[in-house]
Amino acid sequence: MASCIVVDDDPDVINLFCDMLSIIEMNVLATANDGRHAVTMYKIHQPDIVFTDLNMPRYDGLYAIEKIKDINADAKIIVVTGDSNAYQYPFLNSLDVQVIRKPFVIQTIKKAITDCLTGNSEPASFDIKYRFKGETKSYSCTVNYEQYKNFKALPIVEKCEIIKKNKKQFDKYAHEMRKAINMAIRNDTSHIRRLSEIA
């Protein structure tokens, strides 16, 4: 039996969703009412899937997704939202995060769970746009989530954001990007500039 946590700021939605999950024999380990609480529950329970709303006060679902992916880049996450624009979020598309629209039906939930648990386990690649501190030029390159997480933490990077999904294979490129990030940690941006395009 697969396990999950459910994240929503509306207790009625949590109760209804948990009832549906019990019908399809999902083991609900915990619930949370905002993104920060979701991250805490994820650390404690390590579920197979996280179901999260997007729009919540204080810490939203995007916060939860990013922090959980920082803990485990392979974490399986399904967004359950009434936000009709959720399908257009580059962040969700780039990480292959599934989206279920409210009001939800049990068949949709079952399909999302199946797709999530049997999906491709290779890291998704996507394009990012970034700027080095003290520069006005922006650059772009292709990374996986682990590289994105390390890249945006570099002290020489001022702004870093996901701009679009890229389906191409990039195994050879990934090695070069790891090397470039390691050099950038030592404030050597020469290799990362060669791998990047001016955006």
N, C-alpha and C. Protein backbone atom coordinates (compact mmCIF):
# COMPACT_ATOMS: atom_id res chain seq x y z
N MET A 1 0.85 -1.19 0.00
CA MET A 1 0.00 0.00 0.00
C MET A 1 0.89 1.24 0.00
N ALA A 2 0.66 2.13 -0.95
CA ALA A 2 1.45 3.36 -1.05
C ALA A 2 1.04 4.33 0.06
N SER A 3 2.00 5.17 0.48
CA SER A 3 1.74 6.12 1.56
C SER A 3 1.80 7.55 1.03
N CYS A 4 1.17 8.46 1.77
CA CYS A 4 1.13 9.85 1.33
C CYS A 4 0.94 10.80 2.51
N ILE A 5 1.16 12.09 2.23
CA ILE A 5 0.70 13.15 3.12
C ILE A 5 -0.17 14.08 2.28
N VAL A 6 -1.11 14.74 2.93
CA VAL A 6 -2.05 15.62 2.25
C VAL A 6 -1.91 17.02 2.84
N VAL A 7 -1.75 18.01 1.96
CA VAL A 7 -1.49 19.37 2.39
C VAL A 7 -2.54 20.32 1.82
N ASP A 8 -3.29 20.97 2.70
CA ASP A 8 -4.30 21.96 2.28
C ASP A 8 -4.65 22.80 3.50
N ASP A 9 -4.97 24.07 3.28
CA ASP A 9 -5.34 24.93 4.42
C ASP A 9 -6.82 24.83 4.77
N ASP A 10 -7.59 24.08 4.00
CA ASP A 10 -9.02 23.90 4.27
C ASP A 10 -9.26 22.51 4.86
N PRO A 11 -9.64 22.43 6.15
CA PRO A 11 -9.85 21.12 6.79
C PRO A 11 -10.91 20.27 6.09
N ASP A 12 -11.94 20.90 5.52
CA ASP A 12 -12.98 20.14 4.82
C ASP A 12 -12.42 19.45 3.57
N VAL A 13 -11.55 20.15 2.86
CA VAL A 13 -10.92 19.56 1.67
C VAL A 13 -10.03 18.39 2.09
N ILE A 14 -9.27 18.59 3.16
CA ILE A 14 -8.41 17.50 3.65
C ILE A 14 -9.25 16.28 4.00
N ASN A 15 -10.34 16.48 4.74
CA ASN A 15 -11.19 15.35 5.14
C ASN A 15 -11.76 14.61 3.94
N LEU A 16 -12.29 15.37 2.97
CA LEU A 16 -12.87 14.77 1.77
C LEU A 16 -11.81 14.01 0.96
N PHE A 17 -10.65 14.65 0.78
CA PHE A 17 -9.59 14.03 -0.01
C PHE A 17 -9.07 12.76 0.68
N CYS A 18 -8.89 12.82 2.00
CA CYS A 18 -8.42 11.64 2.74
C CYS A 18 -9.44 10.50 2.66
N ASP A 19 -10.74 10.84 2.68
CA ASP A 19 -11.77 9.80 2.53
C ASP A 19 -11.64 9.12 1.17
N MET A 20 -11.42 9.90 0.12
CA MET A 20 -11.25 9.33 -1.22
C MET A 20 -9.99 8.47 -1.29
N LEU A 21 -8.93 8.92 -0.66
CA LEU A 21 -7.69 8.15 -0.67
C LEU A 21 -7.85 6.81 0.07
N SER A 22 -8.64 6.81 1.14
CA SER A 22 -8.85 5.55 1.87
C SER A 22 -9.64 4.55 1.03
N ILE A 23 -10.55 5.05 0.19
CA ILE A 23 -11.33 4.17 -0.70
C ILE A 23 -10.40 3.46 -1.68
N ILE A 24 -9.38 4.16 -2.15
CA ILE A 24 -8.45 3.54 -3.11
C ILE A 24 -7.21 2.98 -2.40
N GLU A 25 -7.32 2.82 -1.10
CA GLU A 25 -6.30 2.15 -0.27
C GLU A 25 -4.94 2.83 -0.27
N MET A 26 -4.96 4.15 -0.18
CA MET A 26 -3.72 4.91 0.05
C MET A 26 -3.60 5.11 1.55
N ASN A 27 -2.42 4.94 2.08
CA ASN A 27 -2.16 5.11 3.50
C ASN A 27 -1.78 6.56 3.78
N VAL A 28 -2.68 7.33 4.39
CA VAL A 28 -2.41 8.74 4.71
C VAL A 28 -1.63 8.77 6.03
N LEU A 29 -0.37 9.16 5.95
CA LEU A 29 0.50 9.17 7.12
C LEU A 29 0.31 10.43 7.97
N ALA A 30 0.00 11.55 7.29
CA ALA A 30 -0.14 12.83 8.00
C ALA A 30 -0.81 13.85 7.10
N THR A 31 -1.26 14.93 7.70
CA THR A 31 -1.79 16.07 6.95
C THR A 31 -1.04 17.31 7.41
N ALA A 32 -1.09 18.35 6.58
CA ALA A 32 -0.44 19.62 6.91
C ALA A 32 -1.30 20.75 6.38
N ASN A 33 -1.17 21.93 6.99
CA ASN A 33 -2.04 23.05 6.60
C ASN A 33 -1.32 24.18 5.86
N ASP A 34 -0.03 24.05 5.64
CA ASP A 34 0.69 25.01 4.78
C ASP A 34 2.00 24.36 4.31
N GLY A 35 2.73 25.07 3.47
CA GLY A 35 3.94 24.52 2.87
C GLY A 35 5.03 24.20 3.86
N ARG A 36 5.18 25.02 4.86
CA ARG A 36 6.23 24.78 5.87
C ARG A 36 5.92 23.52 6.69
N HIS A 37 4.67 23.39 7.08
CA HIS A 37 4.22 22.21 7.82
C HIS A 37 4.39 20.96 6.95
N ALA A 38 4.14 21.09 5.66
CA ALA A 38 4.29 19.97 4.71
C ALA A 38 5.74 19.47 4.70
N VAL A 39 6.68 20.39 4.69
CA VAL A 39 8.10 20.02 4.67
C VAL A 39 8.45 19.25 5.95
N THR A 40 7.96 19.71 7.09
CA THR A 40 8.19 19.02 8.36
C THR A 40 7.62 17.61 8.32
N MET A 41 6.38 17.47 7.83
CA MET A 41 5.74 16.15 7.75
C MET A 41 6.47 15.24 6.77
N TYR A 42 6.99 15.83 5.70
CA TYR A 42 7.75 15.02 4.73
C TYR A 42 9.01 14.46 5.39
N LYS A 43 9.73 15.31 6.12
CA LYS A 43 10.96 14.86 6.78
C LYS A 43 10.67 13.74 7.77
N ILE A 44 9.57 13.85 8.50
CA ILE A 44 9.23 12.86 9.51
C ILE A 44 8.78 11.54 8.89
N HIS A 45 7.90 11.61 7.88
CA HIS A 45 7.22 10.41 7.38
C HIS A 45 7.79 9.82 6.09
N GLN A 46 8.51 10.61 5.28
CA GLN A 46 9.06 10.12 4.01
C GLN A 46 8.02 9.34 3.19
N PRO A 47 6.90 9.97 2.83
CA PRO A 47 5.83 9.25 2.11
C PRO A 47 6.21 8.96 0.66
N ASP A 48 5.44 8.06 0.04
CA ASP A 48 5.64 7.78 -1.38
C ASP A 48 5.20 8.95 -2.25
N ILE A 49 4.12 9.64 -1.82
CA ILE A 49 3.57 10.76 -2.59
C ILE A 49 3.17 11.88 -1.64
N VAL A 50 3.34 13.12 -2.10
CA VAL A 50 2.83 14.30 -1.39
C VAL A 50 1.73 14.90 -2.27
N PHE A 51 0.53 15.07 -1.70
CA PHE A 51 -0.56 15.79 -2.36
C PHE A 51 -0.60 17.18 -1.73
N THR A 52 -0.47 18.22 -2.54
CA THR A 52 -0.48 19.57 -1.97
C THR A 52 -1.31 20.55 -2.78
N ASP A 53 -1.99 21.43 -2.06
CA ASP A 53 -2.65 22.57 -2.67
C ASP A 53 -1.56 23.58 -3.03
N LEU A 54 -1.85 24.53 -3.91
CA LEU A 54 -0.89 25.57 -4.24
C LEU A 54 -1.12 26.83 -3.40
N ASN A 55 -2.35 27.32 -3.38
CA ASN A 55 -2.64 28.59 -2.75
C ASN A 55 -3.00 28.40 -1.28
N MET A 56 -2.03 28.71 -0.42
CA MET A 56 -2.23 28.64 1.02
C MET A 56 -1.57 29.86 1.64
N PRO A 57 -2.09 30.34 2.76
CA PRO A 57 -1.48 31.51 3.40
C PRO A 57 -0.09 31.18 3.94
N ARG A 58 0.69 32.19 4.14
CA ARG A 58 2.07 32.10 4.66
C ARG A 58 2.97 31.31 3.70
N TYR A 59 3.03 30.00 3.84
CA TYR A 59 3.90 29.17 3.00
C TYR A 59 3.03 28.36 2.05
N ASP A 60 3.15 28.65 0.74
CA ASP A 60 2.26 28.02 -0.24
C ASP A 60 2.80 26.67 -0.74
N GLY A 61 2.09 26.10 -1.68
CA GLY A 61 2.47 24.80 -2.23
C GLY A 61 3.78 24.84 -3.01
N LEU A 62 4.07 25.96 -3.69
CA LEU A 62 5.33 26.06 -4.43
C LEU A 62 6.51 26.03 -3.46
N TYR A 63 6.34 26.66 -2.30
CA TYR A 63 7.36 26.60 -1.25
C TYR A 63 7.59 25.14 -0.84
N ALA A 64 6.49 24.42 -0.58
CA ALA A 64 6.59 23.01 -0.16
C ALA A 64 7.29 22.17 -1.22
N ILE A 65 6.90 22.35 -2.49
CA ILE A 65 7.48 21.56 -3.57
C ILE A 65 8.99 21.79 -3.66
N GLU A 66 9.39 23.05 -3.65
CA GLU A 66 10.82 23.35 -3.78
C GLU A 66 11.61 22.81 -2.60
N LYS A 67 11.13 23.00 -1.39
CA LYS A 67 11.86 22.53 -0.20
C LYS A 67 11.90 21.00 -0.13
N ILE A 68 10.81 20.34 -0.51
CA ILE A 68 10.79 18.88 -0.51
C ILE A 68 11.73 18.34 -1.59
N LYS A 69 11.74 18.98 -2.76
CA LYS A 69 12.66 18.57 -3.82
C LYS A 69 14.11 18.82 -3.42
N ASP A 70 14.35 19.83 -2.58
CA ASP A 70 15.70 20.06 -2.06
C ASP A 70 16.13 18.92 -1.15
N ILE A 71 15.19 18.34 -0.43
CA ILE A 71 15.47 17.19 0.45
C ILE A 71 15.66 15.93 -0.40
N ASN A 72 14.77 15.73 -1.36
CA ASN A 72 14.80 14.53 -2.20
C ASN A 72 14.36 14.92 -3.61
N ALA A 73 15.30 15.02 -4.52
CA ALA A 73 14.99 15.45 -5.89
C ALA A 73 14.03 14.49 -6.59
N ASP A 74 13.94 13.24 -6.10
CA ASP A 74 13.05 12.24 -6.70
C ASP A 74 11.68 12.16 -6.02
N ALA A 75 11.41 13.06 -5.10
CA ALA A 75 10.12 13.04 -4.39
C ALA A 75 8.97 13.11 -5.39
N LYS A 76 7.93 12.31 -5.14
CA LYS A 76 6.74 12.29 -6.00
C LYS A 76 5.71 13.26 -5.40
N ILE A 77 5.30 14.22 -6.20
CA ILE A 77 4.39 15.26 -5.73
C ILE A 77 3.26 15.45 -6.72
N ILE A 78 2.04 15.53 -6.20
CA ILE A 78 0.85 15.80 -7.02
C ILE A 78 0.18 17.04 -6.45
N VAL A 79 -0.03 18.04 -7.29
CA VAL A 79 -0.71 19.26 -6.88
C VAL A 79 -2.22 19.06 -7.03
N VAL A 80 -2.97 19.44 -6.00
CA VAL A 80 -4.44 19.39 -6.03
C VAL A 80 -4.90 20.82 -5.81
N THR A 81 -5.43 21.45 -6.87
CA THR A 81 -5.68 22.89 -6.78
C THR A 81 -6.90 23.33 -7.58
N GLY A 82 -7.44 24.45 -7.19
CA GLY A 82 -8.51 25.10 -7.94
C GLY A 82 -7.94 26.16 -8.88
N ASP A 83 -6.64 26.36 -8.87
CA ASP A 83 -5.97 27.37 -9.69
C ASP A 83 -5.94 26.90 -11.15
N SER A 84 -6.72 27.53 -11.99
CA SER A 84 -6.81 27.11 -13.39
C SER A 84 -5.53 27.38 -14.17
N ASN A 85 -4.62 28.21 -13.63
CA ASN A 85 -3.37 28.50 -14.31
C ASN A 85 -2.23 27.58 -13.88
N ALA A 86 -2.50 26.63 -12.98
CA ALA A 86 -1.43 25.78 -12.45
C ALA A 86 -0.71 25.01 -13.54
N TYR A 87 -1.41 24.64 -14.60
CA TYR A 87 -0.79 23.88 -15.69
C TYR A 87 0.27 24.70 -16.41
N GLN A 88 0.24 26.01 -16.25
CA GLN A 88 1.17 26.87 -16.98
C GLN A 88 2.41 27.22 -16.17
N TYR A 89 2.49 26.82 -14.91
CA TYR A 89 3.64 27.15 -14.08
C TYR A 89 4.87 26.41 -14.61
N PRO A 90 5.90 27.12 -15.09
CA PRO A 90 7.10 26.43 -15.60
C PRO A 90 7.72 25.51 -14.54
N PHE A 91 7.67 25.93 -13.28
CA PHE A 91 8.27 25.15 -12.19
C PHE A 91 7.62 23.77 -12.11
N LEU A 92 6.29 23.70 -12.16
CA LEU A 92 5.60 22.42 -12.07
C LEU A 92 5.85 21.57 -13.31
N ASN A 93 5.76 22.19 -14.47
CA ASN A 93 5.98 21.46 -15.72
C ASN A 93 7.40 20.91 -15.80
N SER A 94 8.36 21.67 -15.36
CA SER A 94 9.75 21.26 -15.45
C SER A 94 10.06 20.08 -14.57
N LEU A 95 9.37 19.97 -13.45
CA LEU A 95 9.64 18.88 -12.51
C LEU A 95 8.68 17.71 -12.68
N ASP A 96 7.87 17.72 -13.73
CA ASP A 96 6.89 16.66 -13.98
C ASP A 96 5.95 16.46 -12.80
N VAL A 97 5.60 17.55 -12.15
CA VAL A 97 4.63 17.49 -11.05
C VAL A 97 3.24 17.43 -11.67
N GLN A 98 2.47 16.41 -11.30
CA GLN A 98 1.11 16.25 -11.83
C GLN A 98 0.17 17.26 -11.16
N VAL A 99 -0.87 17.63 -11.88
CA VAL A 99 -1.85 18.58 -11.35
C VAL A 99 -3.25 17.97 -11.45
N ILE A 100 -3.96 17.97 -10.33
CA ILE A 100 -5.37 17.57 -10.29
C ILE A 100 -6.17 18.82 -9.98
N ARG A 101 -7.17 19.09 -10.80
CA ARG A 101 -8.02 20.27 -10.57
C ARG A 101 -9.14 19.96 -9.59
N LYS A 102 -9.44 20.91 -8.72
CA LYS A 102 -10.62 20.83 -7.86
C LYS A 102 -11.81 21.34 -8.67
N PRO A 103 -13.00 20.79 -8.52
CA PRO A 103 -13.32 19.63 -7.68
C PRO A 103 -12.79 18.35 -8.32
N PHE A 104 -12.29 17.45 -7.49
CA PHE A 104 -11.64 16.23 -7.96
C PHE A 104 -12.59 15.05 -7.93
N VAL A 105 -12.31 14.06 -8.78
CA VAL A 105 -13.08 12.82 -8.80
C VAL A 105 -12.11 11.67 -8.58
N ILE A 106 -12.61 10.58 -8.06
CA ILE A 106 -11.75 9.47 -7.65
C ILE A 106 -10.97 8.86 -8.82
N GLN A 107 -11.57 8.81 -10.01
CA GLN A 107 -10.86 8.25 -11.17
C GLN A 107 -9.62 9.09 -11.52
N THR A 108 -9.76 10.40 -11.41
CA THR A 108 -8.64 11.29 -11.71
C THR A 108 -7.52 11.10 -10.69
N ILE A 109 -7.89 10.94 -9.44
CA ILE A 109 -6.90 10.73 -8.38
C ILE A 109 -6.15 9.42 -8.62
N LYS A 110 -6.91 8.35 -8.93
CA LYS A 110 -6.28 7.04 -9.17
C LYS A 110 -5.30 7.11 -10.34
N LYS A 111 -5.70 7.76 -11.42
CA LYS A 111 -4.82 7.87 -12.59
C LYS A 111 -3.55 8.66 -12.25
N ALA A 112 -3.71 9.75 -11.51
CA ALA A 112 -2.55 10.57 -11.14
C ALA A 112 -1.58 9.77 -10.26
N ILE A 113 -2.12 8.98 -9.34
CA ILE A 113 -1.28 8.15 -8.46
C ILE A 113 -0.52 7.12 -9.30
N THR A 114 -1.22 6.44 -10.18
CA THR A 114 -0.59 5.43 -11.03
C THR A 114 0.50 6.05 -11.90
N ASP A 115 0.19 7.17 -12.54
CA ASP A 115 1.16 7.85 -13.39
C ASP A 115 2.38 8.29 -12.57
N CYS A 116 2.12 8.79 -11.38
CA CYS A 116 3.18 9.29 -10.51
C CYS A 116 4.12 8.16 -10.07
N LEU A 117 3.54 7.05 -9.66
CA LEU A 117 4.34 5.94 -9.13
C LEU A 117 5.04 5.12 -10.21
N THR A 118 4.52 5.16 -11.44
CA THR A 118 5.12 4.37 -12.52
C THR A 118 5.83 5.24 -13.54
N GLY A 119 5.97 6.53 -13.24
CA GLY A 119 6.56 7.47 -14.19
C GLY A 119 8.04 7.25 -14.38
N ASN A 120 8.59 7.97 -15.33
CA ASN A 120 10.00 7.92 -15.66
C ASN A 120 10.82 8.41 -14.48
N SER A 121 11.82 7.63 -14.07
CA SER A 121 12.63 8.00 -12.92
C SER A 121 13.88 8.79 -13.29
N GLU A 122 14.12 9.00 -14.59
CA GLU A 122 15.27 9.80 -14.99
C GLU A 122 15.03 11.25 -14.61
N PRO A 123 16.09 11.97 -14.20
CA PRO A 123 15.89 13.36 -13.81
C PRO A 123 15.41 14.20 -14.99
N ALA A 124 14.40 15.02 -14.74
CA ALA A 124 13.89 15.91 -15.79
C ALA A 124 14.90 17.03 -16.02
N SER A 125 15.05 17.42 -17.27
CA SER A 125 15.92 18.55 -17.57
C SER A 125 15.05 19.74 -17.95
N PHE A 126 15.55 20.93 -17.66
CA PHE A 126 14.81 22.14 -17.98
C PHE A 126 15.78 23.29 -18.12
N ASP A 127 15.29 24.37 -18.70
CA ASP A 127 16.13 25.54 -18.92
C ASP A 127 15.97 26.52 -17.77
N ILE A 128 17.08 27.13 -17.39
CA ILE A 128 17.03 28.18 -16.37
C ILE A 128 17.62 29.46 -16.97
N LYS A 129 17.23 30.57 -16.38
CA LYS A 129 17.78 31.87 -16.75
C LYS A 129 18.39 32.44 -15.48
N TYR A 130 19.58 33.02 -15.59
CA TYR A 130 20.24 33.52 -14.40
C TYR A 130 21.15 34.70 -14.74
N ARG A 131 21.56 35.39 -13.67
CA ARG A 131 22.44 36.55 -13.80
C ARG A 131 23.51 36.45 -12.73
N PHE A 132 24.75 36.78 -13.10
CA PHE A 132 25.82 36.83 -12.11
C PHE A 132 25.77 38.16 -11.37
N LYS A 133 26.19 38.16 -10.13
CA LYS A 133 26.21 39.39 -9.34
C LYS A 133 27.08 40.44 -10.02
N GLY A 134 26.55 41.66 -10.03
CA GLY A 134 27.29 42.77 -10.61
C GLY A 134 27.21 42.86 -12.12
N GLU A 135 26.40 41.98 -12.77
CA GLU A 135 26.26 42.02 -14.22
C GLU A 135 24.81 42.27 -14.60
N THR A 136 24.59 42.84 -15.78
CA THR A 136 23.23 43.07 -16.26
C THR A 136 22.78 42.02 -17.27
N LYS A 137 23.77 41.31 -17.89
CA LYS A 137 23.45 40.26 -18.86
C LYS A 137 22.84 39.06 -18.16
N SER A 138 21.83 38.46 -18.81
CA SER A 138 21.27 37.21 -18.31
C SER A 138 21.73 36.07 -19.21
N TYR A 139 21.86 34.88 -18.63
CA TYR A 139 22.28 33.69 -19.35
C TYR A 139 21.24 32.60 -19.17
N SER A 140 21.31 31.59 -20.03
CA SER A 140 20.44 30.43 -19.85
C SER A 140 21.23 29.16 -20.11
N CYS A 141 20.81 28.07 -19.47
CA CYS A 141 21.41 26.76 -19.72
C CYS A 141 20.43 25.68 -19.28
N THR A 142 20.77 24.43 -19.58
CA THR A 142 19.92 23.29 -19.27
C THR A 142 20.48 22.54 -18.08
N VAL A 143 19.63 22.24 -17.10
CA VAL A 143 20.05 21.56 -15.88
C VAL A 143 19.00 20.55 -15.45
N ASN A 144 19.36 19.68 -14.49
CA ASN A 144 18.35 18.88 -13.81
C ASN A 144 18.08 19.55 -12.46
N TYR A 145 17.17 18.99 -11.65
CA TYR A 145 16.80 19.71 -10.43
C TYR A 145 17.96 19.79 -9.45
N GLU A 146 18.74 18.74 -9.32
CA GLU A 146 19.87 18.75 -8.38
C GLU A 146 20.85 19.86 -8.76
N GLN A 147 21.10 20.01 -10.06
CA GLN A 147 21.98 21.08 -10.52
C GLN A 147 21.36 22.45 -10.28
N TYR A 148 20.07 22.58 -10.53
CA TYR A 148 19.37 23.85 -10.28
C TYR A 148 19.50 24.25 -8.82
N LYS A 149 19.27 23.29 -7.93
CA LYS A 149 19.36 23.55 -6.49
C LYS A 149 20.76 24.05 -6.11
N ASN A 150 21.80 23.39 -6.63
CA ASN A 150 23.17 23.80 -6.33
C ASN A 150 23.52 25.14 -6.98
N PHE A 151 23.03 25.33 -8.20
CA PHE A 151 23.34 26.54 -8.96
C PHE A 151 22.78 27.79 -8.28
N LYS A 152 21.50 27.73 -7.87
CA LYS A 152 20.89 28.93 -7.28
C LYS A 152 21.49 29.27 -5.92
N ALA A 153 22.20 28.29 -5.30
CA ALA A 153 22.83 28.53 -4.01
C ALA A 153 24.22 29.15 -4.14
N LEU A 154 24.75 29.22 -5.35
CA LEU A 154 26.09 29.79 -5.54
C LEU A 154 26.10 31.26 -5.15
N PRO A 155 27.10 31.69 -4.39
CA PRO A 155 27.15 33.10 -3.97
C PRO A 155 27.37 34.08 -5.13
N ILE A 156 27.86 33.60 -6.26
CA ILE A 156 28.11 34.51 -7.40
C ILE A 156 26.89 34.67 -8.29
N VAL A 157 25.82 33.92 -8.01
CA VAL A 157 24.60 34.01 -8.82
C VAL A 157 23.60 34.92 -8.12
N GLU A 158 23.14 35.95 -8.84
CA GLU A 158 22.22 36.91 -8.25
C GLU A 158 20.76 36.49 -8.39
N LYS A 159 20.38 35.99 -9.56
CA LYS A 159 19.00 35.61 -9.82
C LYS A 159 19.00 34.36 -10.67
N CYS A 160 18.15 33.40 -10.29
CA CYS A 160 18.10 32.14 -11.03
C CYS A 160 16.66 31.65 -11.04
N GLU A 161 16.09 31.39 -12.24
CA GLU A 161 14.71 30.93 -12.33
C GLU A 161 14.54 29.95 -13.47
N ILE A 162 13.56 29.05 -13.32
CA ILE A 162 13.23 28.09 -14.37
C ILE A 162 12.43 28.82 -15.44
N ILE A 163 12.80 28.60 -16.71
CA ILE A 163 12.06 29.29 -17.77
C ILE A 163 11.25 28.35 -18.65
N LYS A 164 11.70 27.13 -18.90
CA LYS A 164 10.89 26.20 -19.69
C LYS A 164 11.44 24.79 -19.58
N LYS A 165 10.61 23.83 -19.91
CA LYS A 165 11.01 22.43 -19.89
C LYS A 165 11.75 22.08 -21.17
N ASN A 166 12.69 21.19 -21.05
CA ASN A 166 13.47 20.76 -22.20
C ASN A 166 13.53 19.24 -22.18
N LYS A 167 12.94 18.58 -23.15
CA LYS A 167 12.83 17.12 -23.16
C LYS A 167 14.10 16.41 -23.63
N LYS A 168 15.06 17.16 -24.20
CA LYS A 168 16.21 16.49 -24.79
C LYS A 168 17.06 15.77 -23.73
N GLN A 169 17.76 14.74 -24.17
CA GLN A 169 18.68 14.04 -23.28
C GLN A 169 19.91 14.92 -23.09
N PHE A 170 20.46 14.92 -21.89
CA PHE A 170 21.61 15.79 -21.66
C PHE A 170 22.63 15.15 -20.74
N ASP A 171 22.81 13.82 -20.83
CA ASP A 171 23.76 13.12 -19.96
C ASP A 171 25.18 13.68 -20.08
N LYS A 172 25.64 13.85 -21.33
CA LYS A 172 26.99 14.38 -21.54
C LYS A 172 27.07 15.81 -21.01
N TYR A 173 26.05 16.59 -21.28
CA TYR A 173 26.00 17.98 -20.82
C TYR A 173 25.98 18.04 -19.29
N ALA A 174 25.30 17.08 -18.65
CA ALA A 174 25.16 17.08 -17.19
C ALA A 174 26.53 16.98 -16.52
N HIS A 175 27.43 16.18 -17.08
CA HIS A 175 28.78 16.07 -16.52
C HIS A 175 29.49 17.42 -16.59
N GLU A 176 29.38 18.07 -17.73
CA GLU A 176 30.01 19.39 -17.90
C GLU A 176 29.41 20.41 -16.93
N MET A 177 28.08 20.33 -16.70
CA MET A 177 27.45 21.28 -15.78
C MET A 177 27.94 21.04 -14.35
N ARG A 178 28.08 19.77 -13.94
CA ARG A 178 28.61 19.49 -12.59
C ARG A 178 29.99 20.11 -12.43
N LYS A 179 30.83 19.94 -13.46
CA LYS A 179 32.18 20.51 -13.43
C LYS A 179 32.10 22.04 -13.33
N ALA A 180 31.20 22.64 -14.11
CA ALA A 180 31.06 24.10 -14.11
C ALA A 180 30.61 24.62 -12.75
N ILE A 181 29.67 23.92 -12.11
CA ILE A 181 29.18 24.34 -10.79
C ILE A 181 30.31 24.23 -9.77
N ASN A 182 31.09 23.16 -9.83
CA ASN A 182 32.22 23.01 -8.91
C ASN A 182 33.24 24.13 -9.09
N MET A 183 33.48 24.53 -10.33
CA MET A 183 34.40 25.65 -10.58
C MET A 183 33.80 26.96 -10.08
N ALA A 184 32.48 27.13 -10.27
CA ALA A 184 31.83 28.37 -9.85
C ALA A 184 31.84 28.54 -8.33
N ILE A 185 31.84 27.42 -7.60
CA ILE A 185 31.95 27.49 -6.14
C ILE A 185 33.24 28.19 -5.75
N ARG A 186 34.26 28.01 -6.58
CA ARG A 186 35.56 28.67 -6.33
C ARG A 186 35.65 30.02 -7.07
N ASN A 187 34.50 30.57 -7.46
CA ASN A 187 34.39 31.87 -8.14
C ASN A 187 35.01 31.89 -9.53
N ASP A 188 35.14 30.72 -10.15
CA ASP A 188 35.63 30.64 -11.53
C ASP A 188 34.41 30.38 -12.43
N THR A 189 33.95 31.42 -13.14
CA THR A 189 32.74 31.31 -13.96
C THR A 189 33.06 31.00 -15.43
N SER A 190 34.31 30.77 -15.76
CA SER A 190 34.69 30.59 -17.17
C SER A 190 33.97 29.40 -17.82
N HIS A 191 33.91 28.28 -17.12
CA HIS A 191 33.30 27.08 -17.72
C HIS A 191 31.78 27.24 -17.83
N ILE A 192 31.17 27.80 -16.82
CA ILE A 192 29.71 27.95 -16.85
C ILE A 192 29.30 28.96 -17.92
N ARG A 193 30.14 29.94 -18.17
CA ARG A 193 29.83 30.91 -19.24
C ARG A 193 29.90 30.21 -20.61
N ARG A 194 30.84 29.27 -20.79
CA ARG A 194 30.94 28.56 -22.07
C ARG A 194 29.72 27.67 -22.30
N LEU A 195 29.14 27.11 -21.21
CA LEU A 195 27.97 26.23 -21.34
C LEU A 195 26.67 27.00 -21.50
N SER A 196 26.70 28.29 -21.26
CA SER A 196 25.49 29.10 -21.23
C SER A 196 25.33 29.93 -22.48
N GLU A 197 24.10 30.34 -22.70
CA GLU A 197 23.80 31.25 -23.80
C GLU A 197 23.31 32.55 -23.19
N ILE A 198 23.57 33.64 -23.88
CA ILE A 198 23.04 34.92 -23.42
C ILE A 198 21.55 34.91 -23.70
N ALA A 199 20.75 35.17 -22.67
CA ALA A 199 19.28 35.09 -22.80
C ALA A 199 18.73 36.41 -23.30
